[in-house]
Amino acid sequence: MSANPLQRAWRVLREEGWRSFWFKLLGDLGYRRLCLLECSLTEPIQVVKPKLAIDLDWLKPNELDEYLAVQPVRTRELFADRLTRGDCCLIARHQGRIVAGMWACRHQARITYLERELRLADGEVYTFDAFTAPEFRGQAIAPALSTELLRRFRDAGCQRALRATAPENQSALRAHAKAGFRPYARIGYLKLGPWRREFFRDRHRGLVR
């Protein structure tokens, strides 16, 4: 059973601080936004070495139950649907055990938090839903996983990688920066009752849609 709203609010306040607490509250009230990050795949990709020995490979359908044990907040049906529609997940194993994973798609990304789709151009890849088992965090596994994912998609012909994160999540922004990602836009919406206004603000072009 999931925690009630008061328990979730207290956990966010305790673990992430007032800034995250405030913006999560605004999100519940109808204002949500994310920071879009980009990484050019036409430039050298940084090399990040994890502190632990890991093996990297694509997640296979027969490994879904094992992966679900690492990512219990999702469902097997969700992961199976992603694989069926062509999304892929690069996983990291330590001593044979799955300890982390990161998903990617090529054509259209579903940003669940904003309840919208993000259409990708030819040559773009969107990475999302990165997760590392709590006891393996702080070992540079996520940046190493991210840079390997970028190399594989560069070799497949992609020129640009995108991802999204909350602007107040400084630890995630630092981790993404190690893999070469830099903020370039804000995307979100303001919702009041049935009225909803979406925005996409590019740093270079302003409000583009």
N, C-alpha and C. Protein backbone atom coordinates (compact mmCIF):
# COMPACT_ATOMS: atom_id res chain seq x y z
N MET A 1 0.85 -1.19 0.00
CA MET A 1 0.00 0.00 0.00
C MET A 1 0.89 1.24 0.00
N SER A 2 0.57 2.23 -0.82
CA SER A 2 1.38 3.43 -0.91
C SER A 2 1.13 4.32 0.28
N ALA A 3 2.09 5.22 0.56
CA ALA A 3 1.97 6.13 1.68
C ALA A 3 0.88 7.15 1.40
N ASN A 4 0.25 7.65 2.47
CA ASN A 4 -0.76 8.68 2.29
C ASN A 4 -0.09 10.01 1.97
N PRO A 5 -0.87 11.04 1.50
CA PRO A 5 -0.26 12.31 1.09
C PRO A 5 0.62 12.95 2.15
N LEU A 6 0.20 12.91 3.42
CA LEU A 6 1.00 13.51 4.48
C LEU A 6 2.34 12.79 4.65
N GLN A 7 2.32 11.46 4.56
CA GLN A 7 3.55 10.70 4.68
C GLN A 7 4.49 10.99 3.51
N ARG A 8 3.91 11.07 2.28
CA ARG A 8 4.74 11.38 1.11
C ARG A 8 5.34 12.78 1.23
N ALA A 9 4.53 13.75 1.70
CA ALA A 9 5.02 15.12 1.84
C ALA A 9 6.16 15.18 2.86
N TRP A 10 6.01 14.48 3.98
CA TRP A 10 7.06 14.47 4.99
C TRP A 10 8.33 13.82 4.47
N ARG A 11 8.18 12.74 3.69
CA ARG A 11 9.36 12.07 3.13
C ARG A 11 10.11 12.99 2.18
N VAL A 12 9.38 13.71 1.31
CA VAL A 12 10.01 14.64 0.38
C VAL A 12 10.73 15.75 1.14
N LEU A 13 10.06 16.31 2.14
CA LEU A 13 10.65 17.38 2.93
C LEU A 13 11.92 16.91 3.64
N ARG A 14 11.88 15.70 4.21
CA ARG A 14 13.02 15.17 4.95
C ARG A 14 14.18 14.82 4.04
N GLU A 15 13.89 14.22 2.87
CA GLU A 15 14.95 13.69 2.01
C GLU A 15 15.44 14.68 0.97
N GLU A 16 14.56 15.61 0.51
CA GLU A 16 14.93 16.48 -0.61
C GLU A 16 14.94 17.96 -0.26
N GLY A 17 14.38 18.34 0.88
CA GLY A 17 14.43 19.74 1.29
C GLY A 17 13.20 20.53 0.87
N TRP A 18 13.20 21.82 1.32
CA TRP A 18 12.03 22.68 1.10
C TRP A 18 11.76 22.98 -0.36
N ARG A 19 12.81 23.16 -1.16
CA ARG A 19 12.59 23.52 -2.57
C ARG A 19 11.83 22.43 -3.30
N SER A 20 12.26 21.17 -3.16
CA SER A 20 11.56 20.06 -3.80
C SER A 20 10.14 19.93 -3.25
N PHE A 21 10.02 20.09 -1.92
CA PHE A 21 8.70 20.01 -1.29
C PHE A 21 7.75 21.04 -1.89
N TRP A 22 8.23 22.27 -2.08
CA TRP A 22 7.40 23.35 -2.60
C TRP A 22 6.94 23.05 -4.02
N PHE A 23 7.86 22.62 -4.88
CA PHE A 23 7.48 22.39 -6.27
C PHE A 23 6.65 21.12 -6.44
N LYS A 24 6.82 20.14 -5.58
CA LYS A 24 5.93 18.98 -5.62
C LYS A 24 4.53 19.38 -5.19
N LEU A 25 4.44 20.30 -4.24
CA LEU A 25 3.13 20.81 -3.83
C LEU A 25 2.48 21.57 -4.98
N LEU A 26 3.24 22.42 -5.66
CA LEU A 26 2.71 23.14 -6.82
C LEU A 26 2.25 22.16 -7.90
N GLY A 27 3.01 21.07 -8.07
CA GLY A 27 2.62 20.07 -9.06
C GLY A 27 1.28 19.46 -8.74
N ASP A 28 1.03 19.20 -7.46
CA ASP A 28 -0.26 18.66 -7.06
C ASP A 28 -1.38 19.67 -7.27
N LEU A 29 -1.03 20.96 -7.23
CA LEU A 29 -2.05 22.01 -7.38
C LEU A 29 -2.29 22.39 -8.84
N GLY A 30 -1.42 21.94 -9.76
CA GLY A 30 -1.68 22.21 -11.17
C GLY A 30 -0.57 22.90 -11.94
N TYR A 31 0.60 23.12 -11.33
CA TYR A 31 1.73 23.71 -12.06
C TYR A 31 2.88 22.71 -12.06
N ARG A 32 3.24 22.24 -13.25
CA ARG A 32 4.31 21.28 -13.36
C ARG A 32 5.28 21.71 -14.45
N ARG A 33 6.55 21.48 -14.21
CA ARG A 33 7.55 21.78 -15.24
C ARG A 33 8.76 20.90 -15.03
N LEU A 34 9.47 20.67 -16.13
CA LEU A 34 10.70 19.90 -16.11
C LEU A 34 11.76 20.63 -16.91
N CYS A 35 12.99 20.33 -16.61
CA CYS A 35 14.12 20.86 -17.36
C CYS A 35 14.52 19.82 -18.41
N LEU A 36 14.57 20.24 -19.68
CA LEU A 36 15.04 19.36 -20.74
C LEU A 36 16.54 19.54 -20.90
N LEU A 37 17.23 18.43 -20.99
CA LEU A 37 18.68 18.43 -21.16
C LEU A 37 19.03 17.84 -22.51
N GLU A 38 20.13 18.30 -23.08
CA GLU A 38 20.58 17.77 -24.36
C GLU A 38 22.06 17.42 -24.29
N CYS A 39 22.43 16.48 -25.13
CA CYS A 39 23.83 16.08 -25.24
C CYS A 39 24.12 15.80 -26.72
N SER A 40 25.10 16.50 -27.27
CA SER A 40 25.47 16.27 -28.66
C SER A 40 26.25 14.97 -28.78
N LEU A 41 25.82 14.14 -29.72
CA LEU A 41 26.51 12.87 -29.95
C LEU A 41 27.52 12.98 -31.10
N THR A 42 27.66 14.20 -31.64
CA THR A 42 28.66 14.43 -32.69
C THR A 42 30.00 14.86 -32.08
N GLU A 43 30.01 15.11 -30.78
CA GLU A 43 31.23 15.48 -30.08
C GLU A 43 31.71 14.28 -29.25
N PRO A 44 32.96 14.30 -28.81
CA PRO A 44 33.46 13.17 -28.01
C PRO A 44 32.59 12.93 -26.78
N ILE A 45 32.29 11.69 -26.51
CA ILE A 45 31.49 11.32 -25.34
C ILE A 45 32.42 11.04 -24.17
N GLN A 46 32.10 11.66 -23.05
CA GLN A 46 32.94 11.51 -21.88
C GLN A 46 33.00 10.05 -21.42
N VAL A 47 34.12 9.70 -20.87
CA VAL A 47 34.30 8.35 -20.31
C VAL A 47 34.13 8.43 -18.80
N VAL A 48 33.19 7.68 -18.27
CA VAL A 48 32.96 7.63 -16.82
C VAL A 48 33.17 6.20 -16.36
N LYS A 49 34.10 6.02 -15.45
CA LYS A 49 34.38 4.68 -14.93
C LYS A 49 33.70 4.51 -13.58
N PRO A 50 32.88 3.48 -13.43
CA PRO A 50 32.23 3.24 -12.13
C PRO A 50 33.24 2.75 -11.10
N LYS A 51 32.88 2.88 -9.84
CA LYS A 51 33.76 2.45 -8.76
C LYS A 51 33.69 0.95 -8.51
N LEU A 52 32.68 0.31 -9.11
CA LEU A 52 32.52 -1.14 -9.00
C LEU A 52 32.60 -1.76 -10.39
N ALA A 53 32.99 -3.00 -10.45
CA ALA A 53 33.01 -3.71 -11.73
C ALA A 53 31.57 -4.03 -12.14
N ILE A 54 31.19 -3.61 -13.35
CA ILE A 54 29.84 -3.88 -13.85
C ILE A 54 29.92 -4.40 -15.28
N ASP A 55 28.89 -5.15 -15.65
CA ASP A 55 28.70 -5.61 -17.03
C ASP A 55 27.44 -4.95 -17.56
N LEU A 56 27.50 -4.47 -18.81
CA LEU A 56 26.39 -3.75 -19.40
C LEU A 56 25.82 -4.54 -20.58
N ASP A 57 24.49 -4.58 -20.67
CA ASP A 57 23.85 -5.28 -21.79
C ASP A 57 22.40 -4.83 -21.87
N TRP A 58 21.76 -5.11 -23.00
CA TRP A 58 20.36 -4.76 -23.18
C TRP A 58 19.47 -5.71 -22.36
N LEU A 59 18.42 -5.14 -21.78
CA LEU A 59 17.44 -5.94 -21.05
C LEU A 59 16.66 -6.80 -22.04
N LYS A 60 16.52 -8.08 -21.72
CA LYS A 60 15.78 -9.01 -22.57
C LYS A 60 14.42 -9.33 -21.95
N PRO A 61 13.43 -9.70 -22.77
CA PRO A 61 12.09 -9.99 -22.24
C PRO A 61 12.09 -11.03 -21.12
N ASN A 62 12.97 -12.03 -21.19
CA ASN A 62 12.98 -13.06 -20.16
C ASN A 62 13.66 -12.60 -18.86
N GLU A 63 14.13 -11.34 -18.82
CA GLU A 63 14.76 -10.79 -17.62
C GLU A 63 13.87 -9.78 -16.90
N LEU A 64 12.63 -9.64 -17.36
CA LEU A 64 11.75 -8.62 -16.79
C LEU A 64 11.47 -8.84 -15.32
N ASP A 65 11.25 -10.07 -14.92
CA ASP A 65 10.96 -10.33 -13.51
C ASP A 65 12.16 -9.97 -12.63
N GLU A 66 13.35 -10.25 -13.12
CA GLU A 66 14.56 -9.91 -12.37
C GLU A 66 14.72 -8.39 -12.29
N TYR A 67 14.44 -7.70 -13.39
CA TYR A 67 14.54 -6.24 -13.38
C TYR A 67 13.49 -5.62 -12.47
N LEU A 68 12.31 -6.22 -12.44
CA LEU A 68 11.23 -5.71 -11.60
C LEU A 68 11.60 -5.75 -10.13
N ALA A 69 12.45 -6.69 -9.74
CA ALA A 69 12.88 -6.76 -8.35
C ALA A 69 13.74 -5.56 -7.98
N VAL A 70 14.37 -4.92 -8.98
CA VAL A 70 15.19 -3.73 -8.75
C VAL A 70 14.33 -2.48 -8.82
N GLN A 71 13.32 -2.51 -9.67
CA GLN A 71 12.44 -1.36 -9.92
C GLN A 71 11.01 -1.71 -9.49
N PRO A 72 10.75 -1.93 -8.21
CA PRO A 72 9.44 -2.42 -7.77
C PRO A 72 8.31 -1.39 -7.86
N VAL A 73 8.63 -0.11 -8.10
CA VAL A 73 7.57 0.90 -8.15
C VAL A 73 6.88 0.91 -9.51
N ARG A 74 7.38 0.15 -10.48
CA ARG A 74 6.75 0.02 -11.78
C ARG A 74 6.05 -1.35 -11.85
N THR A 75 5.51 -1.66 -13.04
CA THR A 75 4.85 -2.95 -13.22
C THR A 75 5.48 -3.72 -14.37
N ARG A 76 5.33 -5.03 -14.32
CA ARG A 76 5.86 -5.86 -15.38
C ARG A 76 5.19 -5.54 -16.71
N GLU A 77 3.89 -5.24 -16.66
CA GLU A 77 3.15 -4.91 -17.88
C GLU A 77 3.70 -3.66 -18.53
N LEU A 78 4.08 -2.67 -17.72
CA LEU A 78 4.64 -1.44 -18.27
C LEU A 78 5.95 -1.72 -18.99
N PHE A 79 6.84 -2.49 -18.37
CA PHE A 79 8.12 -2.80 -18.99
C PHE A 79 7.93 -3.62 -20.26
N ALA A 80 7.02 -4.60 -20.21
CA ALA A 80 6.77 -5.43 -21.38
C ALA A 80 6.22 -4.60 -22.53
N ASP A 81 5.34 -3.66 -22.22
CA ASP A 81 4.77 -2.79 -23.25
C ASP A 81 5.85 -1.92 -23.88
N ARG A 82 6.78 -1.43 -23.06
CA ARG A 82 7.88 -0.62 -23.61
C ARG A 82 8.71 -1.43 -24.61
N LEU A 83 9.06 -2.65 -24.24
CA LEU A 83 9.86 -3.47 -25.14
C LEU A 83 9.10 -3.79 -26.42
N THR A 84 7.80 -4.01 -26.29
CA THR A 84 6.98 -4.34 -27.46
C THR A 84 6.93 -3.19 -28.46
N ARG A 85 6.86 -1.95 -27.96
CA ARG A 85 6.77 -0.81 -28.87
C ARG A 85 8.13 -0.33 -29.36
N GLY A 86 9.20 -0.99 -28.94
CA GLY A 86 10.52 -0.68 -29.48
C GLY A 86 11.45 0.07 -28.57
N ASP A 87 11.01 0.42 -27.36
CA ASP A 87 11.92 1.04 -26.40
C ASP A 87 12.94 -0.01 -25.95
N CYS A 88 14.06 0.46 -25.44
CA CYS A 88 15.08 -0.47 -24.96
C CYS A 88 15.64 0.01 -23.63
N CYS A 89 16.23 -0.92 -22.91
CA CYS A 89 16.76 -0.62 -21.58
C CYS A 89 18.15 -1.22 -21.45
N LEU A 90 19.12 -0.38 -21.13
CA LEU A 90 20.47 -0.85 -20.88
C LEU A 90 20.61 -1.10 -19.37
N ILE A 91 21.03 -2.30 -19.02
CA ILE A 91 21.13 -2.65 -17.60
C ILE A 91 22.59 -2.85 -17.21
N ALA A 92 22.84 -2.63 -15.92
CA ALA A 92 24.17 -2.87 -15.35
C ALA A 92 24.06 -4.02 -14.35
N ARG A 93 24.97 -4.96 -14.44
CA ARG A 93 25.04 -6.07 -13.49
C ARG A 93 26.34 -6.00 -12.69
N HIS A 94 26.23 -6.28 -11.41
CA HIS A 94 27.41 -6.39 -10.55
C HIS A 94 27.38 -7.78 -9.93
N GLN A 95 28.42 -8.56 -10.23
CA GLN A 95 28.50 -9.94 -9.76
C GLN A 95 27.24 -10.72 -10.15
N GLY A 96 26.78 -10.47 -11.39
CA GLY A 96 25.64 -11.19 -11.93
C GLY A 96 24.27 -10.63 -11.59
N ARG A 97 24.21 -9.70 -10.67
CA ARG A 97 22.94 -9.14 -10.22
C ARG A 97 22.65 -7.83 -10.93
N ILE A 98 21.41 -7.64 -11.40
CA ILE A 98 21.02 -6.35 -11.98
C ILE A 98 20.99 -5.31 -10.87
N VAL A 99 21.74 -4.23 -11.06
CA VAL A 99 21.79 -3.17 -10.03
C VAL A 99 21.33 -1.82 -10.55
N ALA A 100 21.18 -1.67 -11.87
CA ALA A 100 20.76 -0.39 -12.43
C ALA A 100 20.23 -0.59 -13.84
N GLY A 101 19.48 0.38 -14.30
CA GLY A 101 18.95 0.34 -15.66
C GLY A 101 18.60 1.73 -16.15
N MET A 102 18.57 1.90 -17.46
CA MET A 102 18.20 3.18 -18.07
C MET A 102 17.51 2.90 -19.41
N TRP A 103 16.34 3.53 -19.60
CA TRP A 103 15.54 3.30 -20.80
C TRP A 103 15.81 4.36 -21.86
N ALA A 104 15.47 4.02 -23.11
CA ALA A 104 15.63 4.95 -24.23
C ALA A 104 14.60 4.66 -25.31
N CYS A 105 14.21 5.71 -26.04
CA CYS A 105 13.30 5.54 -27.18
C CYS A 105 13.74 6.48 -28.30
N ARG A 106 13.31 6.17 -29.53
CA ARG A 106 13.81 6.89 -30.70
C ARG A 106 12.79 7.80 -31.37
N HIS A 107 11.50 7.53 -31.23
CA HIS A 107 10.53 8.24 -32.06
C HIS A 107 9.61 9.18 -31.28
N GLN A 108 9.00 8.69 -30.23
CA GLN A 108 8.09 9.52 -29.45
C GLN A 108 8.21 9.14 -27.98
N ALA A 109 8.48 10.15 -27.16
CA ALA A 109 8.68 9.91 -25.73
C ALA A 109 7.42 10.27 -24.97
N ARG A 110 7.06 9.44 -24.03
CA ARG A 110 5.94 9.70 -23.13
C ARG A 110 6.49 10.26 -21.82
N ILE A 111 6.18 11.54 -21.53
CA ILE A 111 6.60 12.15 -20.28
C ILE A 111 5.42 12.06 -19.32
N THR A 112 5.41 11.03 -18.51
CA THR A 112 4.27 10.73 -17.66
C THR A 112 3.96 11.86 -16.70
N TYR A 113 4.98 12.45 -16.10
CA TYR A 113 4.77 13.50 -15.10
C TYR A 113 3.99 14.68 -15.69
N LEU A 114 4.22 14.98 -16.98
CA LEU A 114 3.54 16.09 -17.64
C LEU A 114 2.34 15.65 -18.46
N GLU A 115 2.08 14.35 -18.48
CA GLU A 115 0.94 13.79 -19.21
C GLU A 115 0.93 14.26 -20.67
N ARG A 116 2.08 14.12 -21.33
CA ARG A 116 2.17 14.55 -22.72
C ARG A 116 3.24 13.74 -23.45
N GLU A 117 3.16 13.83 -24.78
CA GLU A 117 4.13 13.16 -25.63
C GLU A 117 5.14 14.19 -26.14
N LEU A 118 6.35 13.75 -26.34
CA LEU A 118 7.40 14.58 -26.93
C LEU A 118 7.89 13.88 -28.19
N ARG A 119 7.54 14.46 -29.34
CA ARG A 119 7.93 13.85 -30.61
C ARG A 119 9.40 14.15 -30.88
N LEU A 120 10.14 13.12 -31.25
CA LEU A 120 11.56 13.25 -31.49
C LEU A 120 11.84 13.36 -32.98
N ALA A 121 12.84 14.15 -33.32
CA ALA A 121 13.26 14.29 -34.70
C ALA A 121 14.14 13.11 -35.09
N ASP A 122 14.34 12.93 -36.39
CA ASP A 122 15.26 11.89 -36.86
C ASP A 122 16.64 12.18 -36.26
N GLY A 123 17.29 11.14 -35.78
CA GLY A 123 18.61 11.31 -35.22
C GLY A 123 18.62 11.69 -33.75
N GLU A 124 17.44 11.73 -33.10
CA GLU A 124 17.36 12.03 -31.68
C GLU A 124 16.97 10.78 -30.90
N VAL A 125 17.46 10.70 -29.67
CA VAL A 125 17.09 9.63 -28.76
C VAL A 125 16.77 10.26 -27.41
N TYR A 126 15.74 9.75 -26.76
CA TYR A 126 15.31 10.25 -25.46
C TYR A 126 15.59 9.18 -24.42
N THR A 127 16.35 9.53 -23.38
CA THR A 127 16.65 8.57 -22.32
C THR A 127 15.83 8.92 -21.09
N PHE A 128 15.38 7.89 -20.37
CA PHE A 128 14.45 8.14 -19.28
C PHE A 128 14.45 6.97 -18.29
N ASP A 129 13.76 7.19 -17.18
CA ASP A 129 13.52 6.16 -16.17
C ASP A 129 14.80 5.44 -15.75
N ALA A 130 15.82 6.24 -15.42
CA ALA A 130 17.05 5.65 -14.89
C ALA A 130 16.85 5.30 -13.43
N PHE A 131 17.38 4.16 -13.04
CA PHE A 131 17.21 3.71 -11.66
C PHE A 131 18.41 2.90 -11.23
N THR A 132 18.89 3.17 -10.01
CA THR A 132 19.97 2.39 -9.42
C THR A 132 19.51 1.88 -8.06
N ALA A 133 19.75 0.63 -7.78
CA ALA A 133 19.39 0.06 -6.48
C ALA A 133 20.02 0.91 -5.37
N PRO A 134 19.26 1.25 -4.33
CA PRO A 134 19.75 2.18 -3.29
C PRO A 134 21.12 1.83 -2.73
N GLU A 135 21.40 0.56 -2.51
CA GLU A 135 22.68 0.18 -1.90
C GLU A 135 23.86 0.32 -2.86
N PHE A 136 23.59 0.62 -4.15
CA PHE A 136 24.66 0.79 -5.13
C PHE A 136 24.79 2.23 -5.62
N ARG A 137 24.06 3.14 -5.02
CA ARG A 137 24.16 4.54 -5.41
C ARG A 137 25.46 5.16 -4.88
N GLY A 138 25.93 6.19 -5.57
CA GLY A 138 27.18 6.83 -5.18
C GLY A 138 28.41 6.12 -5.70
N GLN A 139 28.22 5.15 -6.60
CA GLN A 139 29.34 4.39 -7.16
C GLN A 139 29.61 4.74 -8.62
N ALA A 140 29.01 5.83 -9.10
CA ALA A 140 29.18 6.30 -10.50
C ALA A 140 28.65 5.29 -11.51
N ILE A 141 27.72 4.45 -11.09
CA ILE A 141 27.14 3.47 -12.02
C ILE A 141 26.22 4.16 -13.01
N ALA A 142 25.36 5.09 -12.53
CA ALA A 142 24.42 5.76 -13.43
C ALA A 142 25.13 6.56 -14.52
N PRO A 143 26.15 7.39 -14.21
CA PRO A 143 26.86 8.09 -15.30
C PRO A 143 27.54 7.14 -16.28
N ALA A 144 28.11 6.04 -15.76
CA ALA A 144 28.75 5.07 -16.64
C ALA A 144 27.72 4.41 -17.56
N LEU A 145 26.57 4.11 -17.01
CA LEU A 145 25.49 3.52 -17.80
C LEU A 145 25.02 4.50 -18.87
N SER A 146 24.89 5.77 -18.48
CA SER A 146 24.42 6.80 -19.41
C SER A 146 25.40 6.99 -20.57
N THR A 147 26.69 7.09 -20.27
CA THR A 147 27.65 7.32 -21.35
C THR A 147 27.74 6.12 -22.30
N GLU A 148 27.61 4.91 -21.77
CA GLU A 148 27.60 3.74 -22.65
C GLU A 148 26.35 3.73 -23.54
N LEU A 149 25.23 4.13 -22.98
CA LEU A 149 23.99 4.22 -23.76
C LEU A 149 24.17 5.23 -24.89
N LEU A 150 24.79 6.38 -24.59
CA LEU A 150 25.02 7.40 -25.61
C LEU A 150 25.94 6.87 -26.71
N ARG A 151 26.98 6.14 -26.33
CA ARG A 151 27.89 5.60 -27.34
C ARG A 151 27.16 4.63 -28.27
N ARG A 152 26.31 3.81 -27.71
CA ARG A 152 25.59 2.82 -28.52
C ARG A 152 24.64 3.50 -29.51
N PHE A 153 23.97 4.56 -29.07
CA PHE A 153 23.06 5.24 -29.98
C PHE A 153 23.81 6.12 -30.98
N ARG A 154 24.96 6.64 -30.60
CA ARG A 154 25.79 7.35 -31.57
C ARG A 154 26.21 6.39 -32.67
N ASP A 155 26.61 5.19 -32.28
CA ASP A 155 27.02 4.19 -33.27
C ASP A 155 25.84 3.76 -34.14
N ALA A 156 24.61 3.93 -33.63
CA ALA A 156 23.41 3.58 -34.41
C ALA A 156 22.95 4.75 -35.29
N GLY A 157 23.69 5.87 -35.27
CA GLY A 157 23.38 6.98 -36.17
C GLY A 157 22.72 8.18 -35.53
N CYS A 158 22.54 8.20 -34.22
CA CYS A 158 21.92 9.35 -33.56
C CYS A 158 22.94 10.48 -33.40
N GLN A 159 22.43 11.73 -33.47
CA GLN A 159 23.29 12.90 -33.30
C GLN A 159 23.01 13.69 -32.03
N ARG A 160 21.87 13.41 -31.39
CA ARG A 160 21.49 14.21 -30.21
C ARG A 160 20.70 13.35 -29.23
N ALA A 161 21.03 13.49 -27.96
CA ALA A 161 20.31 12.78 -26.91
C ALA A 161 19.61 13.79 -26.01
N LEU A 162 18.40 13.43 -25.57
CA LEU A 162 17.61 14.29 -24.70
C LEU A 162 17.20 13.53 -23.46
N ARG A 163 16.95 14.26 -22.39
CA ARG A 163 16.35 13.69 -21.19
C ARG A 163 15.73 14.83 -20.40
N ALA A 164 14.96 14.49 -19.37
CA ALA A 164 14.28 15.50 -18.57
C ALA A 164 14.45 15.21 -17.10
N THR A 165 14.50 16.27 -16.31
CA THR A 165 14.55 16.12 -14.86
C THR A 165 14.00 17.37 -14.20
N ALA A 166 13.67 17.28 -12.94
CA ALA A 166 13.15 18.44 -12.22
C ALA A 166 14.28 19.44 -12.01
N PRO A 167 14.04 20.73 -12.26
CA PRO A 167 15.10 21.74 -12.12
C PRO A 167 15.69 21.81 -10.72
N GLU A 168 14.89 21.47 -9.71
CA GLU A 168 15.39 21.54 -8.33
C GLU A 168 16.18 20.30 -7.91
N ASN A 169 16.22 19.27 -8.78
CA ASN A 169 16.94 18.05 -8.46
C ASN A 169 18.42 18.22 -8.82
N GLN A 170 19.15 18.89 -7.95
CA GLN A 170 20.53 19.22 -8.23
C GLN A 170 21.43 18.00 -8.32
N SER A 171 21.17 16.98 -7.52
CA SER A 171 22.00 15.78 -7.59
C SER A 171 21.86 15.09 -8.94
N ALA A 172 20.63 15.06 -9.49
CA ALA A 172 20.42 14.46 -10.81
C ALA A 172 21.09 15.31 -11.90
N LEU A 173 20.98 16.62 -11.78
CA LEU A 173 21.60 17.50 -12.78
C LEU A 173 23.12 17.33 -12.78
N ARG A 174 23.71 17.18 -11.61
CA ARG A 174 25.16 16.96 -11.55
C ARG A 174 25.54 15.62 -12.17
N ALA A 175 24.73 14.59 -11.90
CA ALA A 175 25.01 13.27 -12.47
C ALA A 175 24.88 13.30 -14.00
N HIS A 176 23.85 13.97 -14.51
CA HIS A 176 23.66 14.07 -15.96
C HIS A 176 24.78 14.88 -16.61
N ALA A 177 25.27 15.90 -15.90
CA ALA A 177 26.36 16.72 -16.44
C ALA A 177 27.63 15.89 -16.63
N LYS A 178 27.85 14.91 -15.76
CA LYS A 178 29.01 14.03 -15.90
C LYS A 178 28.95 13.23 -17.20
N ALA A 179 27.73 13.00 -17.68
CA ALA A 179 27.56 12.26 -18.93
C ALA A 179 27.49 13.20 -20.14
N GLY A 180 27.61 14.51 -19.91
CA GLY A 180 27.64 15.46 -21.01
C GLY A 180 26.34 16.19 -21.29
N PHE A 181 25.32 16.02 -20.44
CA PHE A 181 24.03 16.69 -20.66
C PHE A 181 24.05 18.11 -20.08
N ARG A 182 23.42 19.04 -20.84
CA ARG A 182 23.31 20.42 -20.41
C ARG A 182 21.86 20.89 -20.60
N PRO A 183 21.33 21.71 -19.68
CA PRO A 183 19.95 22.21 -19.82
C PRO A 183 19.81 23.09 -21.05
N TYR A 184 18.66 22.95 -21.74
CA TYR A 184 18.41 23.81 -22.89
C TYR A 184 16.98 24.33 -22.96
N ALA A 185 16.05 23.76 -22.18
CA ALA A 185 14.66 24.20 -22.29
C ALA A 185 13.90 23.84 -21.02
N ARG A 186 12.75 24.53 -20.84
CA ARG A 186 11.79 24.17 -19.80
C ARG A 186 10.49 23.78 -20.48
N ILE A 187 9.89 22.71 -19.99
CA ILE A 187 8.65 22.22 -20.56
C ILE A 187 7.68 21.96 -19.41
N GLY A 188 6.41 22.29 -19.60
CA GLY A 188 5.47 22.06 -18.51
C GLY A 188 4.08 22.54 -18.85
N TYR A 189 3.27 22.70 -17.81
CA TYR A 189 1.91 23.19 -18.00
C TYR A 189 1.39 23.85 -16.73
N LEU A 190 0.37 24.66 -16.93
CA LEU A 190 -0.40 25.25 -15.83
C LEU A 190 -1.84 24.81 -16.03
N LYS A 191 -2.44 24.23 -14.98
CA LYS A 191 -3.78 23.68 -15.08
C LYS A 191 -4.65 24.21 -13.97
N LEU A 192 -5.80 24.73 -14.34
CA LEU A 192 -6.80 25.21 -13.38
C LEU A 192 -8.14 24.59 -13.78
N GLY A 193 -8.58 23.60 -13.01
CA GLY A 193 -9.83 22.92 -13.37
C GLY A 193 -9.70 22.28 -14.74
N PRO A 194 -10.65 22.51 -15.65
CA PRO A 194 -10.58 21.92 -16.99
C PRO A 194 -9.62 22.67 -17.92
N TRP A 195 -9.20 23.88 -17.51
CA TRP A 195 -8.31 24.68 -18.36
C TRP A 195 -6.86 24.26 -18.17
N ARG A 196 -6.16 24.09 -19.27
CA ARG A 196 -4.75 23.70 -19.23
C ARG A 196 -3.98 24.42 -20.32
N ARG A 197 -2.84 24.99 -19.92
CA ARG A 197 -1.97 25.70 -20.87
C ARG A 197 -0.58 25.10 -20.80
N GLU A 198 -0.11 24.55 -21.93
CA GLU A 198 1.22 23.97 -21.99
C GLU A 198 2.23 25.01 -22.46
N PHE A 199 3.48 24.82 -22.04
CA PHE A 199 4.54 25.72 -22.50
C PHE A 199 5.81 24.93 -22.78
N PHE A 200 6.60 25.47 -23.68
CA PHE A 200 7.91 24.90 -24.04
C PHE A 200 8.82 26.09 -24.29
N ARG A 201 9.71 26.37 -23.36
CA ARG A 201 10.55 27.56 -23.45
C ARG A 201 12.00 27.16 -23.70
N ASP A 202 12.46 27.44 -24.91
CA ASP A 202 13.83 27.14 -25.30
C ASP A 202 14.72 28.32 -24.91
N ARG A 203 15.89 28.03 -24.36
CA ARG A 203 16.79 29.11 -23.92
C ARG A 203 17.22 30.01 -25.06
N HIS A 204 17.33 29.45 -26.25
CA HIS A 204 17.84 30.22 -27.38
C HIS A 204 16.72 30.84 -28.22
N ARG A 205 15.56 30.18 -28.27
CA ARG A 205 14.48 30.65 -29.13
C ARG A 205 13.27 31.20 -28.37
N GLY A 206 13.31 31.18 -27.06
CA GLY A 206 12.19 31.67 -26.28
C GLY A 206 11.05 30.68 -26.25
N LEU A 207 9.83 31.20 -26.07
CA LEU A 207 8.63 30.35 -26.01
C LEU A 207 8.30 29.90 -27.43
N VAL A 208 8.52 28.60 -27.71
CA VAL A 208 8.35 28.13 -29.07
C VAL A 208 7.04 27.39 -29.29
N ARG A 209 6.44 26.85 -28.22
CA ARG A 209 5.13 26.26 -28.37
C ARG A 209 4.57 25.90 -27.01
